[in-house]
Amino acid sequence: MYTLLIEHAVNDFDAWKRSFDSDPADRAGSGVVSYRVNRSVDDSQRVLIELDFTGREQAESMLDTLRTRVWSGPGRPASLDGMPEARIVESVEARIL
């Protein structure tokens, strides 16, 4: 399992969430099998998104799509504050206790 971790600040969470829900990057069509949206308990304008993929190539392709089509240019959501930080991680162990 590969996870694309994205963290960024937003200036209006509700507006950002509407934009996220409109799915401009076509999560399902891009191979996302599950996702989580998290907010910092210390800063409600800080968002962490986890997009899960079965393949590394799918995660890399999604990151490229986000960088070139969603986070830059005229389609960039006005609710984004700065450029998101993103990285791809590979799960090596998971356990439910």
N, C-alpha and C. Protein backbone atom coordinates (compact mmCIF):
# COMPACT_ATOMS: atom_id res chain seq x y z
N MET A 1 0.86 -1.18 0.00
CA MET A 1 0.00 0.00 0.00
C MET A 1 0.90 1.24 0.00
N TYR A 2 0.54 2.18 -0.83
CA TYR A 2 1.25 3.46 -0.92
C TYR A 2 0.28 4.57 -0.54
N THR A 3 0.78 5.54 0.19
CA THR A 3 -0.06 6.65 0.62
C THR A 3 0.58 7.95 0.20
N LEU A 4 -0.20 8.79 -0.43
CA LEU A 4 0.21 10.14 -0.75
C LEU A 4 -0.23 11.02 0.41
N LEU A 5 0.73 11.55 1.15
CA LEU A 5 0.45 12.43 2.29
C LEU A 5 0.54 13.87 1.82
N ILE A 6 -0.49 14.63 2.07
CA ILE A 6 -0.55 16.03 1.65
C ILE A 6 -0.90 16.87 2.87
N GLU A 7 -0.11 17.91 3.10
CA GLU A 7 -0.40 18.81 4.21
C GLU A 7 -0.35 20.24 3.70
N HIS A 8 -1.37 21.02 4.08
CA HIS A 8 -1.35 22.42 3.69
C HIS A 8 -2.29 23.24 4.56
N ALA A 9 -2.08 24.53 4.47
CA ALA A 9 -2.94 25.48 5.18
C ALA A 9 -4.06 25.91 4.24
N VAL A 10 -5.22 26.18 4.83
CA VAL A 10 -6.34 26.70 4.07
C VAL A 10 -6.83 27.96 4.77
N ASN A 11 -7.36 28.89 4.01
CA ASN A 11 -7.86 30.12 4.62
C ASN A 11 -9.37 30.06 4.89
N ASP A 12 -10.02 29.02 4.37
CA ASP A 12 -11.45 28.82 4.59
C ASP A 12 -11.72 27.33 4.45
N PHE A 13 -11.80 26.62 5.57
CA PHE A 13 -11.93 25.16 5.52
C PHE A 13 -13.18 24.73 4.75
N ASP A 14 -14.31 25.37 5.00
CA ASP A 14 -15.55 24.96 4.34
C ASP A 14 -15.45 25.10 2.82
N ALA A 15 -14.86 26.20 2.36
CA ALA A 15 -14.68 26.39 0.91
C ALA A 15 -13.69 25.37 0.37
N TRP A 16 -12.62 25.12 1.10
CA TRP A 16 -11.66 24.11 0.68
C TRP A 16 -12.32 22.74 0.58
N LYS A 17 -13.14 22.39 1.57
CA LYS A 17 -13.79 21.07 1.59
C LYS A 17 -14.74 20.92 0.40
N ARG A 18 -15.45 21.98 0.05
CA ARG A 18 -16.31 21.91 -1.14
C ARG A 18 -15.48 21.64 -2.39
N SER A 19 -14.34 22.30 -2.48
CA SER A 19 -13.45 22.08 -3.62
C SER A 19 -12.92 20.65 -3.62
N PHE A 20 -12.51 20.15 -2.47
CA PHE A 20 -12.03 18.77 -2.35
C PHE A 20 -13.12 17.79 -2.76
N ASP A 21 -14.33 18.02 -2.28
CA ASP A 21 -15.45 17.13 -2.58
C ASP A 21 -15.84 17.14 -4.06
N SER A 22 -15.53 18.24 -4.76
CA SER A 22 -15.83 18.29 -6.20
C SER A 22 -14.86 17.40 -6.99
N ASP A 23 -13.79 16.95 -6.35
CA ASP A 23 -12.87 15.94 -6.88
C ASP A 23 -12.24 16.33 -8.22
N PRO A 24 -11.53 17.46 -8.27
CA PRO A 24 -10.96 17.90 -9.55
C PRO A 24 -9.87 16.98 -10.09
N ALA A 25 -9.31 16.11 -9.26
CA ALA A 25 -8.25 15.20 -9.72
C ALA A 25 -8.77 13.79 -9.99
N ASP A 26 -10.07 13.57 -9.88
CA ASP A 26 -10.70 12.27 -10.15
C ASP A 26 -10.02 11.16 -9.34
N ARG A 27 -10.23 11.22 -8.01
CA ARG A 27 -9.58 10.26 -7.13
C ARG A 27 -9.84 8.80 -7.53
N ALA A 28 -11.09 8.40 -7.69
CA ALA A 28 -11.39 7.00 -8.02
C ALA A 28 -10.78 6.61 -9.37
N GLY A 29 -10.87 7.47 -10.34
CA GLY A 29 -10.31 7.19 -11.66
C GLY A 29 -8.80 7.19 -11.68
N SER A 30 -8.19 7.76 -10.63
CA SER A 30 -6.73 7.83 -10.54
C SER A 30 -6.15 6.72 -9.67
N GLY A 31 -7.01 5.84 -9.17
CA GLY A 31 -6.52 4.70 -8.41
C GLY A 31 -6.59 4.83 -6.90
N VAL A 32 -7.18 5.89 -6.38
CA VAL A 32 -7.31 6.03 -4.93
C VAL A 32 -8.29 4.97 -4.44
N VAL A 33 -7.86 4.16 -3.46
CA VAL A 33 -8.73 3.11 -2.92
C VAL A 33 -9.37 3.52 -1.61
N SER A 34 -8.79 4.49 -0.93
CA SER A 34 -9.39 5.07 0.28
C SER A 34 -8.66 6.38 0.58
N TYR A 35 -9.32 7.22 1.36
CA TYR A 35 -8.67 8.47 1.76
C TYR A 35 -9.17 8.91 3.12
N ARG A 36 -8.38 9.76 3.76
CA ARG A 36 -8.72 10.36 5.04
C ARG A 36 -8.40 11.84 4.98
N VAL A 37 -9.29 12.65 5.52
CA VAL A 37 -9.08 14.08 5.64
C VAL A 37 -8.98 14.37 7.13
N ASN A 38 -7.89 15.00 7.53
CA ASN A 38 -7.64 15.30 8.94
C ASN A 38 -7.41 16.80 9.12
N ARG A 39 -7.78 17.30 10.29
CA ARG A 39 -7.48 18.69 10.66
C ARG A 39 -6.68 18.69 11.94
N SER A 40 -5.76 19.60 12.02
CA SER A 40 -4.96 19.75 13.23
C SER A 40 -5.85 20.20 14.38
N VAL A 41 -5.67 19.60 15.55
CA VAL A 41 -6.46 20.02 16.71
C VAL A 41 -5.98 21.36 17.25
N ASP A 42 -4.75 21.75 16.90
CA ASP A 42 -4.20 23.03 17.34
C ASP A 42 -4.43 24.16 16.35
N ASP A 43 -4.72 23.80 15.09
CA ASP A 43 -4.89 24.80 14.04
C ASP A 43 -5.90 24.27 13.03
N SER A 44 -7.15 24.66 13.17
CA SER A 44 -8.22 24.12 12.33
C SER A 44 -8.08 24.51 10.85
N GLN A 45 -7.15 25.38 10.54
CA GLN A 45 -6.91 25.77 9.15
C GLN A 45 -5.76 24.97 8.53
N ARG A 46 -5.26 23.99 9.25
CA ARG A 46 -4.20 23.10 8.76
C ARG A 46 -4.82 21.75 8.44
N VAL A 47 -4.66 21.27 7.21
CA VAL A 47 -5.31 20.06 6.74
C VAL A 47 -4.25 19.03 6.34
N LEU A 48 -4.51 17.77 6.67
CA LEU A 48 -3.67 16.66 6.26
C LEU A 48 -4.56 15.65 5.55
N ILE A 49 -4.21 15.34 4.30
CA ILE A 49 -4.98 14.39 3.50
C ILE A 49 -4.11 13.17 3.25
N GLU A 50 -4.70 12.00 3.37
CA GLU A 50 -4.01 10.74 3.09
C GLU A 50 -4.78 10.03 1.98
N LEU A 51 -4.13 9.85 0.84
CA LEU A 51 -4.74 9.15 -0.30
C LEU A 51 -4.02 7.81 -0.46
N ASP A 52 -4.74 6.71 -0.38
CA ASP A 52 -4.16 5.38 -0.45
C ASP A 52 -4.28 4.78 -1.85
N PHE A 53 -3.21 4.11 -2.28
CA PHE A 53 -3.13 3.47 -3.59
C PHE A 53 -2.54 2.07 -3.44
N THR A 54 -2.84 1.18 -4.36
CA THR A 54 -2.21 -0.14 -4.35
C THR A 54 -0.86 -0.11 -5.04
N GLY A 55 -0.64 0.85 -5.93
CA GLY A 55 0.62 0.92 -6.68
C GLY A 55 1.32 2.26 -6.53
N ARG A 56 2.63 2.22 -6.51
CA ARG A 56 3.44 3.43 -6.40
C ARG A 56 3.23 4.36 -7.60
N GLU A 57 3.14 3.77 -8.78
CA GLU A 57 3.00 4.57 -10.00
C GLU A 57 1.71 5.40 -9.97
N GLN A 58 0.65 4.83 -9.42
CA GLN A 58 -0.61 5.57 -9.31
C GLN A 58 -0.45 6.78 -8.38
N ALA A 59 0.25 6.57 -7.26
CA ALA A 59 0.48 7.66 -6.32
C ALA A 59 1.32 8.76 -6.95
N GLU A 60 2.35 8.36 -7.69
CA GLU A 60 3.21 9.34 -8.36
C GLU A 60 2.44 10.12 -9.41
N SER A 61 1.59 9.43 -10.15
CA SER A 61 0.79 10.08 -11.18
C SER A 61 -0.19 11.09 -10.55
N MET A 62 -0.82 10.70 -9.44
CA MET A 62 -1.73 11.62 -8.75
C MET A 62 -0.99 12.85 -8.25
N LEU A 63 0.19 12.65 -7.68
CA LEU A 63 0.96 13.79 -7.19
C LEU A 63 1.29 14.74 -8.34
N ASP A 64 1.67 14.20 -9.48
CA ASP A 64 1.95 15.03 -10.65
C ASP A 64 0.70 15.80 -11.08
N THR A 65 -0.45 15.13 -11.10
CA THR A 65 -1.71 15.78 -11.47
C THR A 65 -2.04 16.91 -10.50
N LEU A 66 -1.88 16.66 -9.23
CA LEU A 66 -2.17 17.70 -8.24
C LEU A 66 -1.26 18.90 -8.43
N ARG A 67 0.04 18.64 -8.62
CA ARG A 67 1.01 19.74 -8.77
C ARG A 67 0.77 20.56 -10.03
N THR A 68 0.42 19.90 -11.12
CA THR A 68 0.32 20.62 -12.40
C THR A 68 -1.07 21.13 -12.73
N ARG A 69 -2.12 20.46 -12.23
CA ARG A 69 -3.48 20.86 -12.62
C ARG A 69 -4.33 21.44 -11.50
N VAL A 70 -4.05 21.04 -10.26
CA VAL A 70 -4.93 21.47 -9.17
C VAL A 70 -4.30 22.57 -8.32
N TRP A 71 -3.02 22.43 -7.98
CA TRP A 71 -2.38 23.39 -7.08
C TRP A 71 -1.77 24.59 -7.78
N SER A 72 -1.77 24.62 -9.09
CA SER A 72 -1.20 25.75 -9.81
C SER A 72 -2.14 26.12 -10.96
N GLY A 73 -1.91 27.28 -11.50
CA GLY A 73 -2.70 27.72 -12.63
C GLY A 73 -4.05 28.29 -12.24
N PRO A 74 -4.88 28.55 -13.24
CA PRO A 74 -6.15 29.23 -13.00
C PRO A 74 -7.18 28.39 -12.22
N GLY A 75 -7.01 27.07 -12.18
CA GLY A 75 -7.96 26.24 -11.46
C GLY A 75 -7.64 26.07 -9.98
N ARG A 76 -6.57 26.69 -9.52
CA ARG A 76 -6.14 26.57 -8.13
C ARG A 76 -7.23 27.08 -7.19
N PRO A 77 -7.63 26.27 -6.20
CA PRO A 77 -8.65 26.73 -5.25
C PRO A 77 -8.20 27.96 -4.48
N ALA A 78 -9.05 28.97 -4.40
CA ALA A 78 -8.72 30.19 -3.68
C ALA A 78 -8.55 29.93 -2.19
N SER A 79 -9.09 28.84 -1.70
CA SER A 79 -9.01 28.52 -0.28
C SER A 79 -7.66 27.95 0.13
N LEU A 80 -6.80 27.58 -0.83
CA LEU A 80 -5.46 27.10 -0.50
C LEU A 80 -4.61 28.27 -0.06
N ASP A 81 -3.84 28.08 0.99
CA ASP A 81 -2.95 29.12 1.50
C ASP A 81 -1.52 28.63 1.36
N GLY A 82 -0.83 29.06 0.33
CA GLY A 82 0.52 28.57 0.07
C GLY A 82 0.51 27.29 -0.74
N MET A 83 1.70 26.74 -0.94
CA MET A 83 1.83 25.51 -1.71
C MET A 83 1.82 24.31 -0.77
N PRO A 84 1.01 23.31 -1.06
CA PRO A 84 0.96 22.12 -0.22
C PRO A 84 2.29 21.37 -0.19
N GLU A 85 2.56 20.71 0.92
CA GLU A 85 3.69 19.80 1.03
C GLU A 85 3.15 18.40 0.78
N ALA A 86 3.88 17.59 0.02
CA ALA A 86 3.39 16.25 -0.29
C ALA A 86 4.56 15.28 -0.39
N ARG A 87 4.28 14.03 -0.02
CA ARG A 87 5.26 12.97 -0.16
C ARG A 87 4.51 11.64 -0.24
N ILE A 88 5.17 10.67 -0.85
CA ILE A 88 4.60 9.33 -0.97
C ILE A 88 5.34 8.43 0.01
N VAL A 89 4.56 7.67 0.76
CA VAL A 89 5.14 6.72 1.71
C VAL A 89 4.61 5.33 1.40
N GLU A 90 5.39 4.32 1.76
CA GLU A 90 4.98 2.93 1.59
C GLU A 90 4.72 2.34 2.97
N SER A 91 3.58 1.69 3.13
CA SER A 91 3.26 1.04 4.40
C SER A 91 4.12 -0.20 4.54
N VAL A 92 4.78 -0.31 5.67
CA VAL A 92 5.59 -1.50 5.93
C VAL A 92 5.00 -2.34 7.05
N GLU A 93 4.10 -1.74 7.83
CA GLU A 93 3.42 -2.50 8.88
C GLU A 93 2.20 -1.73 9.33
N ALA A 94 1.14 -2.45 9.61
CA ALA A 94 -0.08 -1.86 10.16
C ALA A 94 -0.68 -2.86 11.13
N ARG A 95 -1.17 -2.38 12.22
CA ARG A 95 -1.74 -3.27 13.22
C ARG A 95 -2.87 -2.53 13.96
N ILE A 96 -3.96 -3.19 14.16
CA ILE A 96 -5.05 -2.65 14.96
C ILE A 96 -4.97 -3.27 16.33
N LEU A 97 -4.90 -2.44 17.35
CA LEU A 97 -4.79 -2.93 18.73
C LEU A 97 -6.06 -2.75 19.50
